[in-house]
C-alpha atoms as a PDB file:
ATOM      1  CA  UNK A   1     111.459 154.353  31.928  1.00  0.00           C
ATOM      2  CA  UNK A   2     114.772 153.350  33.601  1.00  0.00           C
ATOM      3  CA  UNK A   3     116.755 151.023  31.487  1.00  0.00           C
ATOM      4  CA  UNK A   4     118.996 147.934  33.341  1.00  0.00           C
ATOM      5  CA  UNK A   5     122.930 148.399  32.157  1.00  0.00           C
ATOM      6  CA  UNK A   6     124.271 145.249  29.966  1.00  0.00           C
ATOM      7  CA  UNK A   7     125.921 142.439  31.940  1.00  0.00           C
ATOM      8  CA  UNK A   8     127.923 139.463  30.601  1.00  0.00           C
ATOM      9  CA  UNK A   9     126.464 135.992  31.642  1.00  0.00           C
ATOM     10  CA  UNK A  10     129.744 135.252  33.351  1.00  0.00           C
ATOM     11  CA  UNK A  11     130.841 136.051  37.266  1.00  0.00           C
ATOM     12  CA  UNK A  12     133.675 138.286  37.226  1.00  0.00           C
ATOM     13  CA  UNK A  13     136.179 135.705  37.952  1.00  0.00           C
ATOM     14  CA  UNK A  14     135.053 133.283  35.058  1.00  0.00           C
ATOM     15  CA  UNK A  15     134.877 137.073  32.927  1.00  0.00           C
ATOM     16  CA  UNK A  16     138.680 137.436  33.901  1.00  0.00           C
ATOM     17  CA  UNK A  17     140.115 134.159  33.480  1.00  0.00           C
ATOM     18  CA  UNK A  18     138.578 133.737  29.709  1.00  0.00           C
ATOM     19  CA  UNK A  19     140.568 137.121  29.066  1.00  0.00           C
ATOM     20  CA  UNK A  20     143.177 136.288  30.392  1.00  0.00           C
ATOM     21  CA  UNK A  21     143.131 132.670  28.934  1.00  0.00           C
ATOM     22  CA  UNK A  22     142.557 134.760  25.599  1.00  0.00           C
ATOM     23  CA  UNK A  23     145.180 136.556  26.043  1.00  0.00           C
ATOM     24  CA  UNK A  24     147.822 133.622  26.294  1.00  0.00           C
ATOM     25  CA  UNK A  25     146.445 131.880  23.203  1.00  0.00           C
ATOM     26  CA  UNK A  26     147.237 135.311  21.361  1.00  0.00           C
ATOM     27  CA  UNK A  27     150.846 134.713  22.764  1.00  0.00           C
ATOM     28  CA  UNK A  28     151.125 131.177  21.771  1.00  0.00           C
ATOM     29  CA  UNK A  29     149.589 131.636  17.992  1.00  0.00           C
ATOM     30  CA  UNK A  30     150.209 135.701  17.172  1.00  0.00           C
ATOM     31  CA  UNK A  31     147.259 138.219  17.152  1.00  0.00           C
ATOM     32  CA  UNK A  32     147.720 138.283  13.316  1.00  0.00           C
ATOM     33  CA  UNK A  33     146.610 134.817  12.852  1.00  0.00           C
ATOM     34  CA  UNK A  34     144.324 134.827  15.390  1.00  0.00           C
ATOM     35  CA  UNK A  35     142.568 137.804  13.731  1.00  0.00           C
ATOM     36  CA  UNK A  36     142.261 135.750  10.569  1.00  0.00           C
ATOM     37  CA  UNK A  37     140.743 132.383  11.956  1.00  0.00           C
ATOM     38  CA  UNK A  38     137.757 131.140  10.242  1.00  0.00           C
ATOM     39  CA  UNK A  39     134.643 130.274  12.213  1.00  0.00           C
ATOM     40  CA  UNK A  40     133.691 127.020  11.105  1.00  0.00           C
ATOM     41  CA  UNK A  41     130.092 125.995  10.426  1.00  0.00           C
ATOM     42  CA  UNK A  42     128.196 123.115  10.235  1.00  0.00           C
ATOM     43  CA  UNK A  43     127.546 123.025   6.718  1.00  0.00           C
ATOM     44  CA  UNK A  44     128.477 121.610   3.595  1.00  0.00           C
ATOM     45  CA  UNK A  45     130.851 124.330   2.669  1.00  0.00           C
ATOM     46  CA  UNK A  46     133.262 123.027   5.791  1.00  0.00           C
ATOM     47  CA  UNK A  47     132.215 119.106   6.129  1.00  0.00           C
ATOM     48  CA  UNK A  48     131.075 118.061   2.281  1.00  0.00           C
ATOM     49  CA  UNK A  49     130.087 114.823   3.289  1.00  0.00           C
ATOM     50  CA  UNK A  50     126.893 112.581   4.045  1.00  0.00           C
ATOM     51  CA  UNK A  51     126.968 111.720   7.769  1.00  0.00           C
ATOM     52  CA  UNK A  52     125.648 108.357   8.187  1.00  0.00           C
ATOM     53  CA  UNK A  53     126.704 107.467  11.638  1.00  0.00           C
ATOM     54  CA  UNK A  54     129.829 105.276  11.035  1.00  0.00           C
ATOM     55  CA  UNK A  55     133.505 105.073  11.477  1.00  0.00           C
ATOM     56  CA  UNK A  56     134.363 106.552   8.050  1.00  0.00           C
ATOM     57  CA  UNK A  57     132.385 109.781   9.273  1.00  0.00           C
ATOM     58  CA  UNK A  58     134.505 110.251  12.244  1.00  0.00           C
ATOM     59  CA  UNK A  59     137.755 109.947   9.740  1.00  0.00           C
ATOM     60  CA  UNK A  60     136.430 112.364   7.255  1.00  0.00           C
ATOM     61  CA  UNK A  61     135.709 114.490  10.655  1.00  0.00           C
ATOM     62  CA  UNK A  62     139.249 114.096  11.762  1.00  0.00           C
ATOM     63  CA  UNK A  63     140.799 115.050   8.549  1.00  0.00           C
ATOM     64  CA  UNK A  64     139.204 118.196   8.230  1.00  0.00           C
ATOM     65  CA  UNK A  65     139.520 119.104  11.651  1.00  0.00           C
ATOM     66  CA  UNK A  66     143.282 119.039  11.025  1.00  0.00           C
ATOM     67  CA  UNK A  67     143.411 121.215   8.505  1.00  0.00           C
ATOM     68  CA  UNK A  68     140.953 123.744   9.995  1.00  0.00           C
ATOM     69  CA  UNK A  69     143.188 123.585  13.004  1.00  0.00           C
ATOM     70  CA  UNK A  70     146.702 123.766  11.048  1.00  0.00           C
ATOM     71  CA  UNK A  71     148.210 120.573  12.175  1.00  0.00           C
ATOM     72  CA  UNK A  72     150.551 119.103  10.212  1.00  0.00           C
ATOM     73  CA  UNK A  73     153.379 116.874  10.031  1.00  0.00           C
ATOM     74  CA  UNK A  74     151.802 114.289  12.921  1.00  0.00           C
ATOM     75  CA  UNK A  75     150.598 110.882  12.659  1.00  0.00           C
ATOM     76  CA  UNK A  76     146.736 110.870  14.274  1.00  0.00           C
ATOM     77  CA  UNK A  77     145.422 107.794  14.577  1.00  0.00           C
ATOM     78  CA  UNK A  78     141.714 107.434  15.292  1.00  0.00           C
ATOM     79  CA  UNK A  79     140.037 104.393  17.171  1.00  0.00           C
ATOM     80  CA  UNK A  80     136.561 103.622  18.685  1.00  0.00           C
ATOM     81  CA  UNK A  81     135.215 102.229  22.282  1.00  0.00           C
ATOM     82  CA  UNK A  82     131.891 101.610  24.258  1.00  0.00           C
ATOM     83  CA  UNK A  83     131.349 103.384  27.627  1.00  0.00           C
ATOM     84  CA  UNK A  84     127.465 103.964  27.864  1.00  0.00           C
ATOM     85  CA  UNK A  85     126.392 106.261  30.137  1.00  0.00           C
ATOM     86  CA  UNK A  86     123.922 106.040  33.403  1.00  0.00           C
ATOM     87  CA  UNK A  87     120.312 106.837  32.032  1.00  0.00           C
ATOM     88  CA  UNK A  88     117.857 107.619  34.636  1.00  0.00           C
ATOM     89  CA  UNK A  89     114.025 107.394  33.284  1.00  0.00           C
ATOM     90  CA  UNK A  90     111.296 109.893  34.928  1.00  0.00           C
ATOM     91  CA  UNK A  91     107.851 109.760  33.562  1.00  0.00           C
ATOM     92  CA  UNK A  92     109.060 110.166  30.303  1.00  0.00           C
ATOM     93  CA  UNK A  93     112.378 111.849  30.727  1.00  0.00           C
ATOM     94  CA  UNK A  94     115.829 110.303  30.025  1.00  0.00           C
ATOM     95  CA  UNK A  95     118.369 112.169  31.672  1.00  0.00           C
ATOM     96  CA  UNK A  96     121.526 110.980  30.948  1.00  0.00           C
ATOM     97  CA  UNK A  97     124.540 111.881  33.632  1.00  0.00           C
ATOM     98  CA  UNK A  98     127.529 113.362  32.054  1.00  0.00           C
ATOM     99  CA  UNK A  99     127.866 116.751  33.893  1.00  0.00           C
ATOM    100  CA  UNK A 100     132.032 116.859  33.154  1.00  0.00           C
ATOM    101  CA  UNK A 101     132.087 115.731  29.298  1.00  0.00           C
ATOM    102  CA  UNK A 102     134.826 114.370  27.735  1.00  0.00           C
ATOM    103  CA  UNK A 103     135.105 112.398  31.160  1.00  0.00           C
ATOM    104  CA  UNK A 104     132.743 112.303  33.659  1.00  0.00           C
ATOM    105  CA  UNK A 105     132.078 112.243  37.220  1.00  0.00           C
ATOM    106  CA  UNK A 106     130.929 108.473  36.468  1.00  0.00           C
ATOM    107  CA  UNK A 107     134.371 108.040  33.790  1.00  0.00           C
ATOM    108  CA  UNK A 108     131.906 107.871  30.742  1.00  0.00           C
ATOM    109  CA  UNK A 109     134.383 109.547  28.399  1.00  0.00           C
ATOM    110  CA  UNK A 110     133.527 111.217  24.796  1.00  0.00           C
ATOM    111  CA  UNK A 111     136.768 110.690  23.551  1.00  0.00           C
ATOM    112  CA  UNK A 112     140.671 110.166  24.754  1.00  0.00           C
ATOM    113  CA  UNK A 113     143.402 111.323  23.952  1.00  0.00           C
ATOM    114  CA  UNK A 114     147.375 110.234  24.393  1.00  0.00           C
ATOM    115  CA  UNK A 115     150.698 110.688  22.663  1.00  0.00           C
ATOM    116  CA  UNK A 116     152.147 107.231  21.285  1.00  0.00           C
ATOM    117  CA  UNK A 117     155.473 108.668  20.211  1.00  0.00           C
ATOM    118  CA  UNK A 118     157.372 111.619  18.489  1.00  0.00           C
ATOM    119  CA  UNK A 119     154.922 113.004  16.420  1.00  0.00           C
ATOM    120  CA  UNK A 120     152.401 110.183  17.124  1.00  0.00           C
ATOM    121  CA  UNK A 121     148.848 110.331  18.537  1.00  0.00           C
ATOM    122  CA  UNK A 122     145.968 108.138  18.811  1.00  0.00           C
ATOM    123  CA  UNK A 123     142.448 109.735  20.007  1.00  0.00           C
ATOM    124  CA  UNK A 124     139.590 107.520  20.898  1.00  0.00           C
ATOM    125  CA  UNK A 125     136.210 108.276  20.095  1.00  0.00           C
ATOM    126  CA  UNK A 126     133.504 106.692  22.067  1.00  0.00           C
ATOM    127  CA  UNK A 127     130.729 105.050  19.567  1.00  0.00           C
ATOM    128  CA  UNK A 128     127.551 106.560  20.469  1.00  0.00           C
ATOM    129  CA  UNK A 129     129.483 109.713  19.452  1.00  0.00           C
ATOM    130  CA  UNK A 130     128.884 108.633  15.627  1.00  0.00           C
ATOM    131  CA  UNK A 131     124.840 109.397  15.775  1.00  0.00           C
ATOM    132  CA  UNK A 132     124.951 113.275  16.559  1.00  0.00           C
ATOM    133  CA  UNK A 133     127.700 115.322  14.547  1.00  0.00           C
ATOM    134  CA  UNK A 134     127.941 118.633  15.941  1.00  0.00           C
ATOM    135  CA  UNK A 135     128.774 116.505  19.446  1.00  0.00           C
ATOM    136  CA  UNK A 136     131.482 113.863  16.998  1.00  0.00           C
ATOM    137  CA  UNK A 137     133.254 117.427  15.409  1.00  0.00           C
ATOM    138  CA  UNK A 138     133.484 118.659  18.980  1.00  0.00           C
ATOM    139  CA  UNK A 139     134.776 115.844  20.576  1.00  0.00           C
ATOM    140  CA  UNK A 140     137.415 115.530  17.663  1.00  0.00           C
ATOM    141  CA  UNK A 141     138.311 119.329  17.822  1.00  0.00           C
ATOM    142  CA  UNK A 142     138.565 118.620  21.748  1.00  0.00           C
ATOM    143  CA  UNK A 143     141.108 116.159  21.448  1.00  0.00           C
ATOM    144  CA  UNK A 144     143.153 117.331  18.851  1.00  0.00           C
ATOM    145  CA  UNK A 145     143.025 120.405  20.972  1.00  0.00           C
ATOM    146  CA  UNK A 146     145.115 118.455  23.653  1.00  0.00           C
ATOM    147  CA  UNK A 147     147.561 117.578  20.555  1.00  0.00           C
ATOM    148  CA  UNK A 148     147.903 121.431  20.255  1.00  0.00           C
ATOM    149  CA  UNK A 149     148.485 122.521  23.769  1.00  0.00           C
ATOM    150  CA  UNK A 150     150.054 119.366  25.301  1.00  0.00           C
ATOM    151  CA  UNK A 151     151.461 117.290  22.510  1.00  0.00           C
ATOM    152  CA  UNK A 152     153.260 120.353  21.069  1.00  0.00           C
ATOM    153  CA  UNK A 153     154.770 121.413  24.376  1.00  0.00           C
ATOM    154  CA  UNK A 154     152.569 124.481  25.227  1.00  0.00           C
ATOM    155  CA  UNK A 155     151.391 123.221  28.414  1.00  0.00           C
ATOM    156  CA  UNK A 156     152.813 121.026  30.620  1.00  0.00           C
ATOM    157  CA  UNK A 157     150.199 119.758  32.594  1.00  0.00           C
ATOM    158  CA  UNK A 158     146.226 119.340  31.450  1.00  0.00           C
ATOM    159  CA  UNK A 159     143.910 121.897  31.704  1.00  0.00           C
ATOM    160  CA  UNK A 160     140.461 120.497  30.122  1.00  0.00           C
ATOM    161  CA  UNK A 161     138.971 123.831  30.606  1.00  0.00           C
ATOM    162  CA  UNK A 162     141.229 125.793  28.603  1.00  0.00           C
ATOM    163  CA  UNK A 163     141.193 122.798  26.015  1.00  0.00           C
ATOM    164  CA  UNK A 164     137.823 124.185  25.371  1.00  0.00           C
ATOM    165  CA  UNK A 165     138.706 127.720  25.313  1.00  0.00           C
ATOM    166  CA  UNK A 166     141.299 127.210  22.624  1.00  0.00           C
ATOM    167  CA  UNK A 167     138.768 125.088  20.402  1.00  0.00           C
ATOM    168  CA  UNK A 168     136.807 128.213  20.410  1.00  0.00           C
ATOM    169  CA  UNK A 169     139.829 130.259  19.582  1.00  0.00           C
ATOM    170  CA  UNK A 170     140.492 127.946  16.740  1.00  0.00           C
ATOM    171  CA  UNK A 171     136.612 128.557  15.349  1.00  0.00           C
ATOM    172  CA  UNK A 172     134.854 125.781  17.125  1.00  0.00           C
ATOM    173  CA  UNK A 173     132.631 127.909  18.821  1.00  0.00           C
ATOM    174  CA  UNK A 174     129.666 126.663  16.783  1.00  0.00           C
ATOM    175  CA  UNK A 175     130.023 122.860  17.951  1.00  0.00           C
ATOM    176  CA  UNK A 176     131.578 123.680  21.812  1.00  0.00           C
ATOM    177  CA  UNK A 177     128.670 125.529  22.242  1.00  0.00           C
ATOM    178  CA  UNK A 178     126.069 122.954  21.062  1.00  0.00           C
ATOM    179  CA  UNK A 179     127.337 120.519  22.786  1.00  0.00           C
ATOM    180  CA  UNK A 180     127.170 121.490  25.856  1.00  0.00           C
ATOM    181  CA  UNK A 181     123.190 120.769  27.022  1.00  0.00           C
ATOM    182  CA  UNK A 182     121.767 118.178  24.152  1.00  0.00           C
ATOM    183  CA  UNK A 183     118.569 118.362  24.482  1.00  0.00           C
ATOM    184  CA  UNK A 184     116.150 115.641  21.852  1.00  0.00           C
ATOM    185  CA  UNK A 185     112.976 114.371  21.946  1.00  0.00           C
ATOM    186  CA  UNK A 186     113.053 110.337  21.556  1.00  0.00           C
ATOM    187  CA  UNK A 187     109.786 108.071  20.168  1.00  0.00           C
ATOM    188  CA  UNK A 188     109.665 104.319  22.241  1.00  0.00           C
ATOM    189  CA  UNK A 189     107.320 101.126  21.641  1.00  0.00           C
ATOM    190  CA  UNK A 190     104.614 102.673  24.228  1.00  0.00           C
ATOM    191  CA  UNK A 191     105.745 106.189  24.748  1.00  0.00           C
ATOM    192  CA  UNK A 192     107.504 109.116  23.945  1.00  0.00           C
ATOM    193  CA  UNK A 193     109.678 111.589  26.105  1.00  0.00           C
ATOM    194  CA  UNK A 194     112.852 113.720  25.944  1.00  0.00           C
ATOM    195  CA  UNK A 195     116.602 113.400  26.515  1.00  0.00           C
ATOM    196  CA  UNK A 196     119.140 115.327  27.811  1.00  0.00           C
ATOM    197  CA  UNK A 197     122.860 115.503  27.837  1.00  0.00           C
ATOM    198  CA  UNK A 198     125.520 117.811  29.289  1.00  0.00           C
ATOM    199  CA  UNK A 199     129.058 117.684  27.917  1.00  0.00           C
ATOM    200  CA  UNK A 200     132.145 119.783  28.259  1.00  0.00           C
ATOM    201  CA  UNK A 201     133.987 121.142  30.617  1.00  0.00           C
ATOM    202  CA  UNK A 202     132.912 124.697  30.624  1.00  0.00           C
ATOM    203  CA  UNK A 203     129.414 125.758  31.132  1.00  0.00           C
ATOM    204  CA  UNK A 204     126.942 127.290  28.665  1.00  0.00           C
ATOM    205  CA  UNK A 205     127.550 131.147  30.120  1.00  0.00           C
ATOM    206  CA  UNK A 206     131.500 130.748  29.706  1.00  0.00           C
ATOM    207  CA  UNK A 207     131.247 129.525  26.494  1.00  0.00           C
ATOM    208  CA  UNK A 208     128.917 132.216  24.967  1.00  0.00           C
ATOM    209  CA  UNK A 209     130.729 134.826  26.663  1.00  0.00           C
ATOM    210  CA  UNK A 210     134.205 133.601  25.275  1.00  0.00           C
ATOM    211  CA  UNK A 211     132.190 133.194  21.618  1.00  0.00           C
ATOM    212  CA  UNK A 212     131.062 136.737  22.027  1.00  0.00           C
ATOM    213  CA  UNK A 213     134.686 138.163  23.246  1.00  0.00           C
ATOM    214  CA  UNK A 214     136.387 136.497  20.398  1.00  0.00           C
ATOM    215  CA  UNK A 215     133.643 137.825  17.564  1.00  0.00           C
ATOM    216  CA  UNK A 216     134.600 141.176  18.900  1.00  0.00           C
ATOM    217  CA  UNK A 217     137.888 141.097  18.637  1.00  0.00           C
ATOM    218  CA  UNK A 218     137.581 139.432  14.933  1.00  0.00           C
ATOM    219  CA  UNK A 219     135.026 142.070  14.600  1.00  0.00           C
ATOM    220  CA  UNK A 220     133.007 139.427  12.588  1.00  0.00           C
ATOM    221  CA  UNK A 221     129.658 139.768  11.397  1.00  0.00           C
ATOM    222  CA  UNK A 222     127.354 137.437  13.149  1.00  0.00           C
ATOM    223  CA  UNK A 223     125.667 135.175  10.586  1.00  0.00           C
ATOM    224  CA  UNK A 224     127.025 132.078  11.813  1.00  0.00           C
ATOM    225  CA  UNK A 225     125.185 132.508  15.143  1.00  0.00           C
ATOM    226  CA  UNK A 226     121.963 131.001  13.567  1.00  0.00           C
ATOM    227  CA  UNK A 227     123.815 127.316  13.405  1.00  0.00           C
ATOM    228  CA  UNK A 228     123.586 128.094  17.649  1.00  0.00           C
ATOM    229  CA  UNK A 229     121.021 126.373  19.670  1.00  0.00           C
ATOM    230  CA  UNK A 230     118.368 128.678  20.803  1.00  0.00           C
ATOM    231  CA  UNK A 231     119.945 128.841  24.478  1.00  0.00           C
ATOM    232  CA  UNK A 232     123.487 129.268  23.664  1.00  0.00           C
ATOM    233  CA  UNK A 233     122.281 131.947  21.115  1.00  0.00           C
ATOM    234  CA  UNK A 234     120.463 133.985  23.703  1.00  0.00           C
ATOM    235  CA  UNK A 235     123.414 134.094  25.741  1.00  0.00           C
ATOM    236  CA  UNK A 236     125.757 134.838  22.755  1.00  0.00           C
ATOM    237  CA  UNK A 237     124.023 137.825  22.296  1.00  0.00           C
ATOM    238  CA  UNK A 238     123.192 139.186  25.597  1.00  0.00           C
ATOM    239  CA  UNK A 239     126.995 139.005  26.134  1.00  0.00           C
ATOM    240  CA  UNK A 240     127.716 140.515  22.749  1.00  0.00           C
ATOM    241  CA  UNK A 241     125.306 143.511  23.612  1.00  0.00           C
ATOM    242  CA  UNK A 242     127.185 143.989  26.867  1.00  0.00           C
ATOM    243  CA  UNK A 243     130.833 143.830  24.898  1.00  0.00           C
ATOM    244  CA  UNK A 244     129.190 146.637  22.364  1.00  0.00           C
ATOM    245  CA  UNK A 245     127.940 148.663  25.047  1.00  0.00           C
ATOM    246  CA  UNK A 246     129.749 151.679  27.111  1.00  0.00           C
ATOM    247  CA  UNK A 247     129.738 149.516  30.101  1.00  0.00           C
ATOM    248  CA  UNK A 248     132.181 147.022  29.076  1.00  0.00           C
ATOM    249  CA  UNK A 249     135.843 146.835  30.217  1.00  0.00           C
ATOM    250  CA  UNK A 250     137.861 143.689  28.717  1.00  0.00           C
ATOM    251  CA  UNK A 251     141.163 143.066  28.198  1.00  0.00           C
ATOM    252  CA  UNK A 252     141.115 140.821  25.150  1.00  0.00           C
ATOM    253  CA  UNK A 253     140.561 143.085  22.089  1.00  0.00           C
END
């Protein structure tokens, strides 16, 4: 019987980019700091709050994310905006065009970031995010990641893909991964169907490899993967199997 060699879900080019990016992040934060980052989970332990789709929920999530991302001595104001996506209906399916996530090709933004003065920042949240807790937290983490990379002078130019990887390195991989592809059923007055949205700047294949690589780097248990969506969990396990194999060759260790 022949067995195929374990393979990652990413191309060789993406694999090298992820590993080089994580090495750069290790230079920014220090090896000891990254090794001790906690994986943030969508549980009461990390977010002890009853989410009801209100602005209060976003303010609570922001305060927790600031602490988990170790952001101190800055003023971060939150505001809300409406920017509905285009939706196409086809035989009971609703597919929302949002292929580039926090700022899509249709200019539909989930979140916005700006620096308003020394040590002063604003984060905007599209109101639809208030109805999806994991997407809300993912969006807040992404915008705060801009603050860390751009606001603290680590980057001179915006890099959205690196910003998502930074979120994973700072413990928000579950939220980033789960928010890339959002699938849900809906019930109308005359019929029902399903709705799908794609968000974020990195695909599931890249996010799952990044999460597996970071998990290997930290030598973590994988009990937290029970919170991952089925599809990305399967990809994560495939990548971890590759990283644990004798075939694996990777830089970020």
